[in-house]
ModelCIF file with pLDDT and N, C-alpha, C, O atoms, coordinates in Angstrom:
data_MODEL
#
_entry.id   MODEL 
#
_entity.id                         1 
_entity.type                       polymer 
_entity.pdbx_number_of_molecules   1 
#
_entity_poly.entity_id                      1 
_entity_poly.type                           'polypeptide(L)' 
_entity_poly.nstd_linkage                   no 
_entity_poly.nstd_monomer                   no 
_entity_poly.pdbx_seq_one_letter_code       AASGSIVSINALGWYRQAPGKERELVARITSGGGLDYADSVKGR 
_entity_poly.pdbx_seq_one_letter_code_can   AASGSIVSINALGWYRQAPGKERELVARITSGGGLDYADSVKGR 
_entity_poly.pdbx_strand_id                 A 
#
loop_
_entity_poly_seq.entity_id 
_entity_poly_seq.num 
_entity_poly_seq.mon_id 
_entity_poly_seq.hetero 
1 1  ALA n 
1 2  ALA n 
1 3  SER n 
1 4  GLY n 
1 5  SER n 
1 6  ILE n 
1 7  VAL n 
1 8  SER n 
1 9  ILE n 
1 10 ASN n 
1 11 ALA n 
1 12 LEU n 
1 13 GLY n 
1 14 TRP n 
1 15 TYR n 
1 16 ARG n 
1 17 GLN n 
1 18 ALA n 
1 19 PRO n 
1 20 GLY n 
1 21 LYS n 
1 22 GLU n 
1 23 ARG n 
1 24 GLU n 
1 25 LEU n 
1 26 VAL n 
1 27 ALA n 
1 28 ARG n 
1 29 ILE n 
1 30 THR n 
1 31 SER n 
1 32 GLY n 
1 33 GLY n 
1 34 GLY n 
1 35 LEU n 
1 36 ASP n 
1 37 TYR n 
1 38 ALA n 
1 39 ASP n 
1 40 SER n 
1 41 VAL n 
1 42 LYS n 
1 43 GLY n 
1 44 ARG n 
#
_struct_asym.id          A 
_struct_asym.entity_id   1 
#
loop_
_ma_qa_metric.id 
_ma_qa_metric.mode 
_ma_qa_metric.name 
_ma_qa_metric.software_group_id 
_ma_qa_metric.type 
1 global pLDDT . pLDDT 
2 local  pLDDT . pLDDT 
#
_ma_qa_metric_global.metric_id      1 
_ma_qa_metric_global.metric_value   94.18 
_ma_qa_metric_global.model_id       1 
_ma_qa_metric_global.ordinal_id     1 
#
loop_
_ma_qa_metric_local.label_asym_id 
_ma_qa_metric_local.label_comp_id 
_ma_qa_metric_local.label_seq_id 
_ma_qa_metric_local.metric_id 
_ma_qa_metric_local.metric_value 
_ma_qa_metric_local.model_id 
_ma_qa_metric_local.ordinal_id 
A ALA 1  2 95.00 1 1  
A ALA 2  2 93.00 1 2  
A SER 3  2 92.00 1 3  
A GLY 4  2 88.00 1 4  
A SER 5  2 88.00 1 5  
A ILE 6  2 90.00 1 6  
A VAL 7  2 90.00 1 7  
A SER 8  2 89.00 1 8  
A ILE 9  2 91.00 1 9  
A ASN 10 2 90.00 1 10 
A ALA 11 2 93.00 1 11 
A LEU 12 2 94.00 1 12 
A GLY 13 2 96.00 1 13 
A TRP 14 2 98.00 1 14 
A TYR 15 2 98.00 1 15 
A ARG 16 2 98.00 1 16 
A GLN 17 2 98.00 1 17 
A ALA 18 2 96.00 1 18 
A PRO 19 2 91.00 1 19 
A GLY 20 2 92.00 1 20 
A LYS 21 2 94.00 1 21 
A GLU 22 2 96.00 1 22 
A ARG 23 2 96.00 1 23 
A GLU 24 2 97.00 1 24 
A LEU 25 2 97.00 1 25 
A VAL 26 2 98.00 1 26 
A ALA 27 2 98.00 1 27 
A ARG 28 2 97.00 1 28 
A ILE 29 2 95.00 1 29 
A THR 30 2 91.00 1 30 
A SER 31 2 86.00 1 31 
A GLY 32 2 87.00 1 32 
A GLY 33 2 87.00 1 33 
A GLY 34 2 94.00 1 34 
A LEU 35 2 96.00 1 35 
A ASP 36 2 96.00 1 36 
A TYR 37 2 98.00 1 37 
A ALA 38 2 97.00 1 38 
A ASP 39 2 97.00 1 39 
A SER 40 2 97.00 1 40 
A VAL 41 2 98.00 1 41 
A LYS 42 2 97.00 1 42 
A GLY 43 2 97.00 1 43 
A ARG 44 2 98.00 1 44 
#
loop_
_atom_site.group_PDB 
_atom_site.id 
_atom_site.type_symbol 
_atom_site.label_atom_id 
_atom_site.label_alt_id 
_atom_site.label_comp_id 
_atom_site.label_asym_id 
_atom_site.label_entity_id 
_atom_site.label_seq_id 
_atom_site.pdbx_PDB_ins_code 
_atom_site.Cartn_x 
_atom_site.Cartn_y 
_atom_site.Cartn_z 
_atom_site.occupancy 
_atom_site.B_iso_or_equiv 
_atom_site.pdbx_formal_charge 
_atom_site.auth_seq_id 
_atom_site.auth_comp_id 
_atom_site.auth_asym_id 
_atom_site.auth_atom_id 
_atom_site.pdbx_PDB_model_num 
ATOM 1   N N  . ALA A 1 1  ? 89.717 33.663 36.873 1.00 95.00 ? 1  ALA A N  1 
ATOM 2   C CA . ALA A 1 1  ? 90.339 34.955 37.246 1.00 95.00 ? 1  ALA A CA 1 
ATOM 3   C C  . ALA A 1 1  ? 89.183 35.688 37.912 1.00 95.00 ? 1  ALA A C  1 
ATOM 4   O O  . ALA A 1 1  ? 88.141 35.782 37.264 1.00 95.00 ? 1  ALA A O  1 
ATOM 5   N N  . ALA A 1 2  ? 89.252 36.288 39.290 1.00 93.00 ? 2  ALA A N  1 
ATOM 6   C CA . ALA A 1 2  ? 88.218 37.107 39.832 1.00 93.00 ? 2  ALA A CA 1 
ATOM 7   C C  . ALA A 1 2  ? 88.547 38.622 39.529 1.00 93.00 ? 2  ALA A C  1 
ATOM 8   O O  . ALA A 1 2  ? 89.694 38.969 39.813 1.00 93.00 ? 2  ALA A O  1 
ATOM 9   N N  . SER A 1 3  ? 87.918 39.329 39.130 1.00 92.00 ? 3  SER A N  1 
ATOM 10  C CA . SER A 1 3  ? 88.221 40.822 39.037 1.00 92.00 ? 3  SER A CA 1 
ATOM 11  C C  . SER A 1 3  ? 86.853 41.634 39.478 1.00 92.00 ? 3  SER A C  1 
ATOM 12  O O  . SER A 1 3  ? 85.719 41.168 39.586 1.00 92.00 ? 3  SER A O  1 
ATOM 13  N N  . GLY A 1 4  ? 87.310 43.029 39.707 1.00 88.00 ? 4  GLY A N  1 
ATOM 14  C CA . GLY A 1 4  ? 86.475 43.834 40.691 1.00 88.00 ? 4  GLY A CA 1 
ATOM 15  C C  . GLY A 1 4  ? 87.320 44.724 41.974 1.00 88.00 ? 4  GLY A C  1 
ATOM 16  O O  . GLY A 1 4  ? 88.504 44.839 42.290 1.00 88.00 ? 4  GLY A O  1 
ATOM 17  N N  . SER A 1 5  ? 86.216 45.183 42.420 1.00 88.00 ? 5  SER A N  1 
ATOM 18  C CA . SER A 1 5  ? 87.080 45.967 43.739 1.00 88.00 ? 5  SER A CA 1 
ATOM 19  C C  . SER A 1 5  ? 86.950 44.878 44.903 1.00 88.00 ? 5  SER A C  1 
ATOM 20  O O  . SER A 1 5  ? 86.083 44.766 45.769 1.00 88.00 ? 5  SER A O  1 
ATOM 21  N N  . ILE A 1 6  ? 88.068 44.126 44.648 1.00 90.00 ? 6  ILE A N  1 
ATOM 22  C CA . ILE A 1 6  ? 88.013 43.083 45.712 1.00 90.00 ? 6  ILE A CA 1 
ATOM 23  C C  . ILE A 1 6  ? 89.189 43.491 46.748 1.00 90.00 ? 6  ILE A C  1 
ATOM 24  O O  . ILE A 1 6  ? 90.226 44.056 46.401 1.00 90.00 ? 6  ILE A O  1 
ATOM 25  N N  . VAL A 1 7  ? 88.879 43.131 48.025 1.00 90.00 ? 7  VAL A N  1 
ATOM 26  C CA . VAL A 1 7  ? 89.465 43.470 49.051 1.00 90.00 ? 7  VAL A CA 1 
ATOM 27  C C  . VAL A 1 7  ? 90.134 42.456 49.542 1.00 90.00 ? 7  VAL A C  1 
ATOM 28  O O  . VAL A 1 7  ? 91.323 42.699 49.743 1.00 90.00 ? 7  VAL A O  1 
ATOM 29  N N  . SER A 1 8  ? 89.772 41.404 49.801 1.00 89.00 ? 8  SER A N  1 
ATOM 30  C CA . SER A 1 8  ? 90.336 40.070 50.017 1.00 89.00 ? 8  SER A CA 1 
ATOM 31  C C  . SER A 1 8  ? 89.566 38.727 49.538 1.00 89.00 ? 8  SER A C  1 
ATOM 32  O O  . SER A 1 8  ? 88.336 38.762 49.574 1.00 89.00 ? 8  SER A O  1 
ATOM 33  N N  . ILE A 1 9  ? 90.120 37.708 49.153 1.00 91.00 ? 9  ILE A N  1 
ATOM 34  C CA . ILE A 1 9  ? 89.293 36.421 48.712 1.00 91.00 ? 9  ILE A CA 1 
ATOM 35  C C  . ILE A 1 9  ? 89.565 35.316 49.979 1.00 91.00 ? 9  ILE A C  1 
ATOM 36  O O  . ILE A 1 9  ? 90.727 35.027 50.266 1.00 91.00 ? 9  ILE A O  1 
ATOM 37  N N  . ASN A 1 10 ? 88.507 34.764 50.663 1.00 90.00 ? 10 ASN A N  1 
ATOM 38  C CA . ASN A 1 10 ? 88.461 34.146 51.854 1.00 90.00 ? 10 ASN A CA 1 
ATOM 39  C C  . ASN A 1 10 ? 88.925 32.702 51.465 1.00 90.00 ? 10 ASN A C  1 
ATOM 40  O O  . ASN A 1 10 ? 89.727 32.036 52.121 1.00 90.00 ? 10 ASN A O  1 
ATOM 41  N N  . ALA A 1 11 ? 88.225 32.259 50.146 1.00 93.00 ? 11 ALA A N  1 
ATOM 42  C CA . ALA A 1 11 ? 88.362 30.925 49.990 1.00 93.00 ? 11 ALA A CA 1 
ATOM 43  C C  . ALA A 1 11 ? 87.849 30.753 48.307 1.00 93.00 ? 11 ALA A C  1 
ATOM 44  O O  . ALA A 1 11 ? 86.928 31.425 47.845 1.00 93.00 ? 11 ALA A O  1 
ATOM 45  N N  . LEU A 1 12 ? 88.549 29.832 47.588 1.00 94.00 ? 12 LEU A N  1 
ATOM 46  C CA . LEU A 1 12 ? 87.946 29.811 46.254 1.00 94.00 ? 12 LEU A CA 1 
ATOM 47  C C  . LEU A 1 12 ? 88.261 27.975 45.962 1.00 94.00 ? 12 LEU A C  1 
ATOM 48  O O  . LEU A 1 12 ? 89.128 27.198 46.363 1.00 94.00 ? 12 LEU A O  1 
ATOM 49  N N  . GLY A 1 13 ? 86.910 27.828 44.956 1.00 96.00 ? 13 GLY A N  1 
ATOM 50  C CA . GLY A 1 13 ? 86.927 26.399 44.748 1.00 96.00 ? 13 GLY A CA 1 
ATOM 51  C C  . GLY A 1 13 ? 86.346 25.957 43.243 1.00 96.00 ? 13 GLY A C  1 
ATOM 52  O O  . GLY A 1 13 ? 86.075 26.808 42.396 1.00 96.00 ? 13 GLY A O  1 
ATOM 53  N N  . TRP A 1 14 ? 86.241 25.004 43.090 1.00 98.00 ? 14 TRP A N  1 
ATOM 54  C CA . TRP A 1 14 ? 85.734 24.347 41.796 1.00 98.00 ? 14 TRP A CA 1 
ATOM 55  C C  . TRP A 1 14 ? 84.489 23.364 42.144 1.00 98.00 ? 14 TRP A C  1 
ATOM 56  O O  . TRP A 1 14 ? 84.786 22.462 42.928 1.00 98.00 ? 14 TRP A O  1 
ATOM 57  N N  . TYR A 1 15 ? 83.360 23.386 41.765 1.00 98.00 ? 15 TYR A N  1 
ATOM 58  C CA . TYR A 1 15 ? 82.580 22.582 41.341 1.00 98.00 ? 15 TYR A CA 1 
ATOM 59  C C  . TYR A 1 15 ? 82.327 21.911 40.004 1.00 98.00 ? 15 TYR A C  1 
ATOM 60  O O  . TYR A 1 15 ? 82.904 22.248 38.970 1.00 98.00 ? 15 TYR A O  1 
ATOM 61  N N  . ARG A 1 16 ? 81.251 20.752 40.107 1.00 98.00 ? 16 ARG A N  1 
ATOM 62  C CA . ARG A 1 16 ? 81.108 20.039 38.882 1.00 98.00 ? 16 ARG A CA 1 
ATOM 63  C C  . ARG A 1 16 ? 79.983 19.683 38.993 1.00 98.00 ? 16 ARG A C  1 
ATOM 64  O O  . ARG A 1 16 ? 79.445 19.389 40.061 1.00 98.00 ? 16 ARG A O  1 
ATOM 65  N N  . GLN A 1 17 ? 79.362 19.658 37.662 1.00 98.00 ? 17 GLN A N  1 
ATOM 66  C CA . GLN A 1 17 ? 77.714 19.053 37.547 1.00 98.00 ? 17 GLN A CA 1 
ATOM 67  C C  . GLN A 1 17 ? 77.568 18.227 36.073 1.00 98.00 ? 17 GLN A C  1 
ATOM 68  O O  . GLN A 1 17 ? 77.760 18.775 34.988 1.00 98.00 ? 17 GLN A O  1 
ATOM 69  N N  . ALA A 1 18 ? 77.296 17.200 36.196 1.00 96.00 ? 18 ALA A N  1 
ATOM 70  C CA . ALA A 1 18 ? 77.047 16.022 35.441 1.00 96.00 ? 18 ALA A CA 1 
ATOM 71  C C  . ALA A 1 18 ? 75.876 15.860 35.133 1.00 96.00 ? 18 ALA A C  1 
ATOM 72  O O  . ALA A 1 18 ? 75.099 15.907 36.086 1.00 96.00 ? 18 ALA A O  1 
ATOM 73  N N  . PRO A 1 19 ? 75.227 15.597 33.666 1.00 91.00 ? 19 PRO A N  1 
ATOM 74  C CA . PRO A 1 19 ? 73.722 15.845 33.428 1.00 91.00 ? 19 PRO A CA 1 
ATOM 75  C C  . PRO A 1 19 ? 72.904 14.754 34.368 1.00 91.00 ? 19 PRO A C  1 
ATOM 76  O O  . PRO A 1 19 ? 73.270 13.592 34.541 1.00 91.00 ? 19 PRO A O  1 
ATOM 77  N N  . GLY A 1 20 ? 72.003 15.220 34.803 1.00 92.00 ? 20 GLY A N  1 
ATOM 78  C CA . GLY A 1 20 ? 70.940 14.558 35.670 1.00 92.00 ? 20 GLY A CA 1 
ATOM 79  C C  . GLY A 1 20 ? 71.659 14.364 37.218 1.00 92.00 ? 20 GLY A C  1 
ATOM 80  O O  . GLY A 1 20 ? 70.943 13.926 38.119 1.00 92.00 ? 20 GLY A O  1 
ATOM 81  N N  . LYS A 1 21 ? 72.943 14.665 37.473 1.00 94.00 ? 21 LYS A N  1 
ATOM 82  C CA . LYS A 1 21 ? 73.418 14.816 38.639 1.00 94.00 ? 21 LYS A CA 1 
ATOM 83  C C  . LYS A 1 21 ? 73.434 16.157 39.546 1.00 94.00 ? 21 LYS A C  1 
ATOM 84  O O  . LYS A 1 21 ? 73.522 17.248 38.984 1.00 94.00 ? 21 LYS A O  1 
ATOM 85  N N  . GLU A 1 22 ? 73.357 16.076 40.790 1.00 96.00 ? 22 GLU A N  1 
ATOM 86  C CA . GLU A 1 22 ? 73.504 16.876 41.820 1.00 96.00 ? 22 GLU A CA 1 
ATOM 87  C C  . GLU A 1 22 ? 75.013 17.705 41.296 1.00 96.00 ? 22 GLU A C  1 
ATOM 88  O O  . GLU A 1 22 ? 75.801 17.022 40.642 1.00 96.00 ? 22 GLU A O  1 
ATOM 89  N N  . ARG A 1 23 ? 75.373 19.138 41.592 1.00 96.00 ? 23 ARG A N  1 
ATOM 90  C CA . ARG A 1 23 ? 76.666 19.692 41.424 1.00 96.00 ? 23 ARG A CA 1 
ATOM 91  C C  . ARG A 1 23 ? 77.344 19.230 42.918 1.00 96.00 ? 23 ARG A C  1 
ATOM 92  O O  . ARG A 1 23 ? 76.794 19.029 44.001 1.00 96.00 ? 23 ARG A O  1 
ATOM 93  N N  . GLU A 1 24 ? 78.414 19.169 42.613 1.00 97.00 ? 24 GLU A N  1 
ATOM 94  C CA . GLU A 1 24 ? 79.363 18.605 43.584 1.00 97.00 ? 24 GLU A CA 1 
ATOM 95  C C  . GLU A 1 24 ? 80.926 19.201 43.618 1.00 97.00 ? 24 GLU A C  1 
ATOM 96  O O  . GLU A 1 24 ? 81.695 19.334 42.666 1.00 97.00 ? 24 GLU A O  1 
ATOM 97  N N  . LEU A 1 25 ? 81.123 19.490 44.917 1.00 97.00 ? 25 LEU A N  1 
ATOM 98  C CA . LEU A 1 25 ? 82.351 20.125 45.659 1.00 97.00 ? 25 LEU A CA 1 
ATOM 99  C C  . LEU A 1 25 ? 83.520 19.353 44.944 1.00 97.00 ? 25 LEU A C  1 
ATOM 100 O O  . LEU A 1 25 ? 83.419 18.138 45.114 1.00 97.00 ? 25 LEU A O  1 
ATOM 101 N N  . VAL A 1 26 ? 84.823 19.815 44.036 1.00 98.00 ? 26 VAL A N  1 
ATOM 102 C CA . VAL A 1 26 ? 85.712 19.157 43.302 1.00 98.00 ? 26 VAL A CA 1 
ATOM 103 C C  . VAL A 1 26 ? 87.004 19.181 44.144 1.00 98.00 ? 26 VAL A C  1 
ATOM 104 O O  . VAL A 1 26 ? 87.726 18.211 44.379 1.00 98.00 ? 26 VAL A O  1 
ATOM 105 N N  . ALA A 1 27 ? 87.208 20.701 44.639 1.00 98.00 ? 27 ALA A N  1 
ATOM 106 C CA . ALA A 1 27 ? 88.528 20.949 45.472 1.00 98.00 ? 27 ALA A CA 1 
ATOM 107 C C  . ALA A 1 27 ? 88.097 22.458 45.825 1.00 98.00 ? 27 ALA A C  1 
ATOM 108 O O  . ALA A 1 27 ? 87.294 23.250 45.331 1.00 98.00 ? 27 ALA A O  1 
ATOM 109 N N  . ARG A 1 28 ? 89.134 22.501 47.071 1.00 97.00 ? 28 ARG A N  1 
ATOM 110 C CA . ARG A 1 28 ? 88.675 24.169 47.523 1.00 97.00 ? 28 ARG A CA 1 
ATOM 111 C C  . ARG A 1 28 ? 89.951 24.432 48.302 1.00 97.00 ? 28 ARG A C  1 
ATOM 112 O O  . ARG A 1 28 ? 90.479 23.574 49.008 1.00 97.00 ? 28 ARG A O  1 
ATOM 113 N N  . ILE A 1 29 ? 90.448 25.735 48.128 1.00 95.00 ? 29 ILE A N  1 
ATOM 114 C CA . ILE A 1 29 ? 91.597 26.272 48.723 1.00 95.00 ? 29 ILE A CA 1 
ATOM 115 C C  . ILE A 1 29 ? 91.134 27.362 49.657 1.00 95.00 ? 29 ILE A C  1 
ATOM 116 O O  . ILE A 1 29 ? 90.278 28.151 49.256 1.00 95.00 ? 29 ILE A O  1 
ATOM 117 N N  . THR A 1 30 ? 91.640 27.468 50.885 1.00 91.00 ? 30 THR A N  1 
ATOM 118 C CA . THR A 1 30 ? 91.075 28.913 51.833 1.00 91.00 ? 30 THR A CA 1 
ATOM 119 C C  . THR A 1 30 ? 91.971 29.806 51.537 1.00 91.00 ? 30 THR A C  1 
ATOM 120 O O  . THR A 1 30 ? 92.611 29.680 50.493 1.00 91.00 ? 30 THR A O  1 
ATOM 121 N N  . SER A 1 31 ? 92.159 30.714 52.260 1.00 86.00 ? 31 SER A N  1 
ATOM 122 C CA . SER A 1 31 ? 93.024 31.956 52.389 1.00 86.00 ? 31 SER A CA 1 
ATOM 123 C C  . SER A 1 31 ? 94.589 31.644 52.734 1.00 86.00 ? 31 SER A C  1 
ATOM 124 O O  . SER A 1 31 ? 95.624 32.078 52.228 1.00 86.00 ? 31 SER A O  1 
ATOM 125 N N  . GLY A 1 32 ? 94.290 30.487 54.065 1.00 87.00 ? 32 GLY A N  1 
ATOM 126 C CA . GLY A 1 32 ? 95.508 30.293 54.553 1.00 87.00 ? 32 GLY A CA 1 
ATOM 127 C C  . GLY A 1 32 ? 95.864 28.968 54.275 1.00 87.00 ? 32 GLY A C  1 
ATOM 128 O O  . GLY A 1 32 ? 96.325 28.198 55.117 1.00 87.00 ? 32 GLY A O  1 
ATOM 129 N N  . GLY A 1 33 ? 95.588 28.610 52.724 1.00 87.00 ? 33 GLY A N  1 
ATOM 130 C CA . GLY A 1 33 ? 96.206 27.749 51.941 1.00 87.00 ? 33 GLY A CA 1 
ATOM 131 C C  . GLY A 1 33 ? 95.793 26.172 52.512 1.00 87.00 ? 33 GLY A C  1 
ATOM 132 O O  . GLY A 1 33 ? 96.372 25.181 52.069 1.00 87.00 ? 33 GLY A O  1 
ATOM 133 N N  . GLY A 1 34 ? 94.900 26.099 53.374 1.00 94.00 ? 34 GLY A N  1 
ATOM 134 C CA . GLY A 1 34 ? 94.240 24.965 53.426 1.00 94.00 ? 34 GLY A CA 1 
ATOM 135 C C  . GLY A 1 34 ? 93.740 24.327 51.769 1.00 94.00 ? 34 GLY A C  1 
ATOM 136 O O  . GLY A 1 34 ? 93.625 25.038 50.770 1.00 94.00 ? 34 GLY A O  1 
ATOM 137 N N  . LEU A 1 35 ? 93.524 22.996 51.816 1.00 96.00 ? 35 LEU A N  1 
ATOM 138 C CA . LEU A 1 35 ? 93.134 22.377 50.952 1.00 96.00 ? 35 LEU A CA 1 
ATOM 139 C C  . LEU A 1 35 ? 92.102 21.157 51.246 1.00 96.00 ? 35 LEU A C  1 
ATOM 140 O O  . LEU A 1 35 ? 92.217 20.435 52.237 1.00 96.00 ? 35 LEU A O  1 
ATOM 141 N N  . ASP A 1 36 ? 91.115 21.015 50.303 1.00 96.00 ? 36 ASP A N  1 
ATOM 142 C CA . ASP A 1 36 ? 90.072 20.080 50.412 1.00 96.00 ? 36 ASP A CA 1 
ATOM 143 C C  . ASP A 1 36 ? 89.638 19.443 49.006 1.00 96.00 ? 36 ASP A C  1 
ATOM 144 O O  . ASP A 1 36 ? 89.474 20.165 48.023 1.00 96.00 ? 36 ASP A O  1 
ATOM 145 N N  . TYR A 1 37 ? 89.476 18.176 48.964 1.00 98.00 ? 37 TYR A N  1 
ATOM 146 C CA . TYR A 1 37 ? 89.496 17.509 47.740 1.00 98.00 ? 37 TYR A CA 1 
ATOM 147 C C  . TYR A 1 37 ? 88.472 16.460 47.691 1.00 98.00 ? 37 TYR A C  1 
ATOM 148 O O  . TYR A 1 37 ? 88.513 15.625 48.595 1.00 98.00 ? 37 TYR A O  1 
ATOM 149 N N  . ALA A 1 38 ? 87.634 16.364 46.867 1.00 97.00 ? 38 ALA A N  1 
ATOM 150 C CA . ALA A 1 38 ? 86.582 15.019 46.669 1.00 97.00 ? 38 ALA A CA 1 
ATOM 151 C C  . ALA A 1 38 ? 87.186 13.765 46.651 1.00 97.00 ? 38 ALA A C  1 
ATOM 152 O O  . ALA A 1 38 ? 88.268 13.649 46.076 1.00 97.00 ? 38 ALA A O  1 
ATOM 153 N N  . ASP A 1 39 ? 86.600 12.695 47.252 1.00 97.00 ? 39 ASP A N  1 
ATOM 154 C CA . ASP A 1 39 ? 87.520 11.662 47.123 1.00 97.00 ? 39 ASP A CA 1 
ATOM 155 C C  . ASP A 1 39 ? 87.826 10.956 45.673 1.00 97.00 ? 39 ASP A C  1 
ATOM 156 O O  . ASP A 1 39 ? 88.817 10.289 45.376 1.00 97.00 ? 39 ASP A O  1 
ATOM 157 N N  . SER A 1 40 ? 86.835 11.249 44.956 1.00 97.00 ? 40 SER A N  1 
ATOM 158 C CA . SER A 1 40 ? 86.940 10.844 43.508 1.00 97.00 ? 40 SER A CA 1 
ATOM 159 C C  . SER A 1 40 ? 88.229 11.532 42.825 1.00 97.00 ? 40 SER A C  1 
ATOM 160 O O  . SER A 1 40 ? 88.959 10.915 42.049 1.00 97.00 ? 40 SER A O  1 
ATOM 161 N N  . VAL A 1 41 ? 88.386 12.571 43.112 1.00 98.00 ? 41 VAL A N  1 
ATOM 162 C CA . VAL A 1 41 ? 89.858 13.197 42.287 1.00 98.00 ? 41 VAL A CA 1 
ATOM 163 C C  . VAL A 1 41 ? 91.181 13.122 43.116 1.00 98.00 ? 41 VAL A C  1 
ATOM 164 O O  . VAL A 1 41 ? 92.291 13.288 42.609 1.00 98.00 ? 41 VAL A O  1 
ATOM 165 N N  . LYS A 1 42 ? 90.979 12.879 44.327 1.00 97.00 ? 42 LYS A N  1 
ATOM 166 C CA . LYS A 1 42 ? 92.576 13.011 45.212 1.00 97.00 ? 42 LYS A CA 1 
ATOM 167 C C  . LYS A 1 42 ? 93.256 12.051 44.589 1.00 97.00 ? 42 LYS A C  1 
ATOM 168 O O  . LYS A 1 42 ? 92.929 10.926 44.211 1.00 97.00 ? 42 LYS A O  1 
ATOM 169 N N  . GLY A 1 43 ? 94.547 12.838 44.519 1.00 97.00 ? 43 GLY A N  1 
ATOM 170 C CA . GLY A 1 43 ? 96.019 12.006 44.124 1.00 97.00 ? 43 GLY A CA 1 
ATOM 171 C C  . GLY A 1 43 ? 95.779 12.492 42.437 1.00 97.00 ? 43 GLY A C  1 
ATOM 172 O O  . GLY A 1 43 ? 96.873 12.410 41.878 1.00 97.00 ? 43 GLY A O  1 
ATOM 173 N N  . ARG A 1 44 ? 94.957 12.853 41.703 1.00 98.00 ? 44 ARG A N  1 
ATOM 174 C CA . ARG A 1 44 ? 94.676 13.325 40.146 1.00 98.00 ? 44 ARG A CA 1 
ATOM 175 C C  . ARG A 1 44 ? 94.745 14.790 40.084 1.00 98.00 ? 44 ARG A C  1 
ATOM 176 O O  . ARG A 1 44 ? 94.565 15.372 39.014 1.00 98.00 ? 44 ARG A O  1 
#
């Protein structure tokens, strides 16, 4: 949940980071409803 004096949200997303690994994009959704998923999580 985002709080504050928000005018608009352009995009929202989730990243993850496992120990010893780089942070990676998991999923993203744009203001227009566009979706983007990492290959490893597609369908799940």
